[in-house]
């Protein structure tokens, strides 16, 4: 993990706000009584990320990013607030780390004149083979 990714994660952890809500799904009476699910909100603009990293984070976040630029993570896998809190923080760190892993730009392949003519000859040959596969007419 790069140094700038670690700094962004540290900044994100300090800027993130948490709210505890009741979780949905199975869990019996406990799920109805206790607010164990965590909603983690983070204003992504406040992170001051480089443009490429911000675009990638926005792409990776998908529907978890609001129109106002807030990242909203909901963690409700565990039965305790603390475990869900830790889970949300880990998921946030993974998302930011993945955003910093920018894909390498593809270099255009260069064809010289000889390779271009060979490729075109090969295409003509395949075309003639395929043209010979038509219906047989008995005229």
C-alpha atoms as a PDB file:
ATOM      1  CA  UNK A   1       0.000   0.000   0.000  1.00  0.00           C
ATOM      2  CA  UNK A   2       1.424   3.369  -0.975  1.00  0.00           C
ATOM      3  CA  UNK A   3       2.105   6.143   1.500  1.00  0.00           C
ATOM      4  CA  UNK A   4      -0.552   8.418  -0.030  1.00  0.00           C
ATOM      5  CA  UNK A   5      -3.146   5.624   0.282  1.00  0.00           C
ATOM      6  CA  UNK A   6      -2.299   5.234   3.981  1.00  0.00           C
ATOM      7  CA  UNK A   7      -2.639   8.994   4.491  1.00  0.00           C
ATOM      8  CA  UNK A   8      -6.012   9.004   2.707  1.00  0.00           C
ATOM      9  CA  UNK A   9      -7.238   6.108   4.877  1.00  0.00           C
ATOM     10  CA  UNK A  10      -6.125   7.897   8.051  1.00  0.00           C
ATOM     11  CA  UNK A  11      -7.868  11.098   6.886  1.00  0.00           C
ATOM     12  CA  UNK A  12     -10.999   9.121   5.964  1.00  0.00           C
ATOM     13  CA  UNK A  13     -11.132   7.454   9.386  1.00  0.00           C
ATOM     14  CA  UNK A  14     -10.900  10.833  11.119  1.00  0.00           C
ATOM     15  CA  UNK A  15     -13.538  12.470   8.861  1.00  0.00           C
ATOM     16  CA  UNK A  16     -16.043   9.596   8.803  1.00  0.00           C
ATOM     17  CA  UNK A  17     -19.192   9.842  10.891  1.00  0.00           C
ATOM     18  CA  UNK A  18     -21.051   6.829  12.225  1.00  0.00           C
ATOM     19  CA  UNK A  19     -24.671   6.248  13.082  1.00  0.00           C
ATOM     20  CA  UNK A  20     -26.076   3.079  14.620  1.00  0.00           C
ATOM     21  CA  UNK A  21     -29.370   1.785  13.237  1.00  0.00           C
ATOM     22  CA  UNK A  22     -31.414  -1.371  13.639  1.00  0.00           C
ATOM     23  CA  UNK A  23     -30.303  -4.071  11.258  1.00  0.00           C
ATOM     24  CA  UNK A  24     -32.594  -5.987   8.943  1.00  0.00           C
ATOM     25  CA  UNK A  25     -32.812  -9.716   8.370  1.00  0.00           C
ATOM     26  CA  UNK A  26     -32.598 -12.681  10.747  1.00  0.00           C
ATOM     27  CA  UNK A  27     -31.602 -12.296  14.372  1.00  0.00           C
ATOM     28  CA  UNK A  28     -34.760 -12.804  16.408  1.00  0.00           C
ATOM     29  CA  UNK A  29     -35.798 -10.267  19.015  1.00  0.00           C
ATOM     30  CA  UNK A  30     -32.270  -8.890  19.298  1.00  0.00           C
ATOM     31  CA  UNK A  31     -32.403  -7.386  15.808  1.00  0.00           C
ATOM     32  CA  UNK A  32     -35.599  -5.500  16.673  1.00  0.00           C
ATOM     33  CA  UNK A  33     -34.362  -4.114  19.996  1.00  0.00           C
ATOM     34  CA  UNK A  34     -30.708  -3.245  19.527  1.00  0.00           C
ATOM     35  CA  UNK A  35     -29.219  -0.832  16.992  1.00  0.00           C
ATOM     36  CA  UNK A  36     -26.163  -2.828  15.946  1.00  0.00           C
ATOM     37  CA  UNK A  37     -25.861  -1.953  12.250  1.00  0.00           C
ATOM     38  CA  UNK A  38     -23.448   0.861  11.413  1.00  0.00           C
ATOM     39  CA  UNK A  39     -23.963   3.541   8.779  1.00  0.00           C
ATOM     40  CA  UNK A  40     -20.582   5.046   7.954  1.00  0.00           C
ATOM     41  CA  UNK A  41     -20.733   8.371   6.067  1.00  0.00           C
ATOM     42  CA  UNK A  42     -17.752  10.058   4.503  1.00  0.00           C
ATOM     43  CA  UNK A  43     -17.592  13.249   2.450  1.00  0.00           C
ATOM     44  CA  UNK A  44     -15.264  12.164  -0.350  1.00  0.00           C
ATOM     45  CA  UNK A  45     -14.555  15.753  -1.427  1.00  0.00           C
ATOM     46  CA  UNK A  46     -13.038  16.432   2.004  1.00  0.00           C
ATOM     47  CA  UNK A  47     -10.409  13.743   1.369  1.00  0.00           C
ATOM     48  CA  UNK A  48      -8.809  15.920  -1.340  1.00  0.00           C
ATOM     49  CA  UNK A  49      -7.924  12.926  -3.519  1.00  0.00           C
ATOM     50  CA  UNK A  50      -6.123  13.239  -6.868  1.00  0.00           C
ATOM     51  CA  UNK A  51      -8.560  13.446  -9.804  1.00  0.00           C
ATOM     52  CA  UNK A  52      -7.788   9.964 -11.193  1.00  0.00           C
ATOM     53  CA  UNK A  53      -8.129   8.357  -7.770  1.00  0.00           C
ATOM     54  CA  UNK A  54     -11.404  10.207  -7.107  1.00  0.00           C
ATOM     55  CA  UNK A  55     -12.853   9.022 -10.432  1.00  0.00           C
ATOM     56  CA  UNK A  56     -11.830   5.433  -9.698  1.00  0.00           C
ATOM     57  CA  UNK A  57     -13.281   5.619  -6.163  1.00  0.00           C
ATOM     58  CA  UNK A  58     -16.541   6.950  -7.566  1.00  0.00           C
ATOM     59  CA  UNK A  59     -16.613   4.104 -10.101  1.00  0.00           C
ATOM     60  CA  UNK A  60     -15.833   1.459  -7.454  1.00  0.00           C
ATOM     61  CA  UNK A  61     -18.365   2.847  -4.975  1.00  0.00           C
ATOM     62  CA  UNK A  62     -21.222   2.765  -7.481  1.00  0.00           C
ATOM     63  CA  UNK A  63     -24.580   3.151  -5.730  1.00  0.00           C
ATOM     64  CA  UNK A  64     -22.879   3.613  -2.346  1.00  0.00           C
ATOM     65  CA  UNK A  65     -21.926   7.148  -3.446  1.00  0.00           C
ATOM     66  CA  UNK A  66     -24.647   9.777  -3.023  1.00  0.00           C
ATOM     67  CA  UNK A  67     -25.234  12.676  -5.406  1.00  0.00           C
ATOM     68  CA  UNK A  68     -23.738  15.031  -2.796  1.00  0.00           C
ATOM     69  CA  UNK A  69     -20.436  13.128  -2.897  1.00  0.00           C
ATOM     70  CA  UNK A  70     -20.914  11.177   0.322  1.00  0.00           C
ATOM     71  CA  UNK A  71     -19.821   7.574   0.562  1.00  0.00           C
ATOM     72  CA  UNK A  72     -22.341   5.529   2.560  1.00  0.00           C
ATOM     73  CA  UNK A  73     -21.302   2.111   3.871  1.00  0.00           C
ATOM     74  CA  UNK A  74     -23.707  -0.018   5.894  1.00  0.00           C
ATOM     75  CA  UNK A  75     -22.246  -2.839   7.979  1.00  0.00           C
ATOM     76  CA  UNK A  76     -24.635  -5.308   9.609  1.00  0.00           C
ATOM     77  CA  UNK A  77     -22.952  -8.708   9.326  1.00  0.00           C
ATOM     78  CA  UNK A  78     -22.164  -9.048  13.022  1.00  0.00           C
ATOM     79  CA  UNK A  79     -24.249  -9.024  16.193  1.00  0.00           C
ATOM     80  CA  UNK A  80     -22.310  -6.306  18.014  1.00  0.00           C
ATOM     81  CA  UNK A  81     -21.854  -2.620  17.279  1.00  0.00           C
ATOM     82  CA  UNK A  82     -18.102  -2.800  17.712  1.00  0.00           C
ATOM     83  CA  UNK A  83     -17.689  -5.681  15.244  1.00  0.00           C
ATOM     84  CA  UNK A  84     -19.865  -3.901  12.670  1.00  0.00           C
ATOM     85  CA  UNK A  85     -17.950  -0.679  13.259  1.00  0.00           C
ATOM     86  CA  UNK A  86     -14.653  -2.464  12.629  1.00  0.00           C
ATOM     87  CA  UNK A  87     -16.109  -4.159   9.537  1.00  0.00           C
ATOM     88  CA  UNK A  88     -17.214  -0.806   8.084  1.00  0.00           C
ATOM     89  CA  UNK A  89     -13.758   0.723   8.712  1.00  0.00           C
ATOM     90  CA  UNK A  90     -12.022  -2.247   7.053  1.00  0.00           C
ATOM     91  CA  UNK A  91     -14.323  -2.050   4.023  1.00  0.00           C
ATOM     92  CA  UNK A  92     -13.668   1.697   3.733  1.00  0.00           C
ATOM     93  CA  UNK A  93      -9.901   1.117   3.842  1.00  0.00           C
ATOM     94  CA  UNK A  94     -10.158  -1.611   1.169  1.00  0.00           C
ATOM     95  CA  UNK A  95     -12.205   0.669  -1.081  1.00  0.00           C
ATOM     96  CA  UNK A  96      -9.716   3.538  -0.804  1.00  0.00           C
ATOM     97  CA  UNK A  97      -6.741   1.210  -1.320  1.00  0.00           C
ATOM     98  CA  UNK A  98      -8.370  -0.237  -4.442  1.00  0.00           C
ATOM     99  CA  UNK A  99      -9.017   3.291  -5.747  1.00  0.00           C
ATOM    100  CA  UNK A 100      -5.305   4.074  -5.481  1.00  0.00           C
ATOM    101  CA  UNK A 101      -4.449   0.976  -7.578  1.00  0.00           C
ATOM    102  CA  UNK A 102      -4.901   2.679 -10.932  1.00  0.00           C
ATOM    103  CA  UNK A 103      -4.921   0.379 -13.972  1.00  0.00           C
ATOM    104  CA  UNK A 104      -1.927   0.676 -16.269  1.00  0.00           C
ATOM    105  CA  UNK A 105      -2.560   2.492 -19.509  1.00  0.00           C
ATOM    106  CA  UNK A 106      -2.460   0.256 -22.538  1.00  0.00           C
ATOM    107  CA  UNK A 107       0.218   1.132 -25.076  1.00  0.00           C
ATOM    108  CA  UNK A 108      -1.020   1.085 -28.652  1.00  0.00           C
ATOM    109  CA  UNK A 109       0.514  -1.675 -30.720  1.00  0.00           C
ATOM    110  CA  UNK A 110       2.495  -0.520 -33.702  1.00  0.00           C
ATOM    111  CA  UNK A 111       2.279  -2.357 -37.011  1.00  0.00           C
ATOM    112  CA  UNK A 112       4.976  -2.004 -39.605  1.00  0.00           C
ATOM    113  CA  UNK A 113       4.240  -2.187 -43.331  1.00  0.00           C
ATOM    114  CA  UNK A 114       5.261  -5.845 -43.751  1.00  0.00           C
ATOM    115  CA  UNK A 115       3.085  -7.058 -40.867  1.00  0.00           C
ATOM    116  CA  UNK A 116       0.153  -5.039 -42.203  1.00  0.00           C
ATOM    117  CA  UNK A 117       0.413  -6.599 -45.680  1.00  0.00           C
ATOM    118  CA  UNK A 118       0.769 -10.106 -44.191  1.00  0.00           C
ATOM    119  CA  UNK A 119      -2.302  -9.564 -42.045  1.00  0.00           C
ATOM    120  CA  UNK A 120      -4.351  -8.332 -44.997  1.00  0.00           C
ATOM    121  CA  UNK A 121      -3.212 -11.284 -47.156  1.00  0.00           C
ATOM    122  CA  UNK A 122      -4.256 -13.659 -44.389  1.00  0.00           C
ATOM    123  CA  UNK A 123      -7.666 -12.000 -44.213  1.00  0.00           C
ATOM    124  CA  UNK A 124      -8.117 -12.313 -47.991  1.00  0.00           C
ATOM    125  CA  UNK A 125      -7.147 -15.993 -47.826  1.00  0.00           C
ATOM    126  CA  UNK A 126      -9.673 -16.665 -45.031  1.00  0.00           C
ATOM    127  CA  UNK A 127     -12.313 -14.767 -46.979  1.00  0.00           C
ATOM    128  CA  UNK A 128     -11.745 -16.903 -50.082  1.00  0.00           C
ATOM    129  CA  UNK A 129     -11.893 -20.103 -48.004  1.00  0.00           C
ATOM    130  CA  UNK A 130     -15.191 -18.995 -46.464  1.00  0.00           C
ATOM    131  CA  UNK A 131     -16.564 -17.914 -49.847  1.00  0.00           C
ATOM    132  CA  UNK A 132     -15.953 -21.449 -51.114  1.00  0.00           C
ATOM    133  CA  UNK A 133     -18.227 -22.861 -48.426  1.00  0.00           C
ATOM    134  CA  UNK A 134     -21.445 -21.747 -50.128  1.00  0.00           C
ATOM    135  CA  UNK A 135     -24.196 -24.027 -51.392  1.00  0.00           C
ATOM    136  CA  UNK A 136     -23.267 -26.381 -54.188  1.00  0.00           C
ATOM    137  CA  UNK A 137     -25.312 -25.724 -57.338  1.00  0.00           C
ATOM    138  CA  UNK A 138     -25.738 -28.447 -59.938  1.00  0.00           C
ATOM    139  CA  UNK A 139     -26.163 -26.314 -63.105  1.00  0.00           C
END
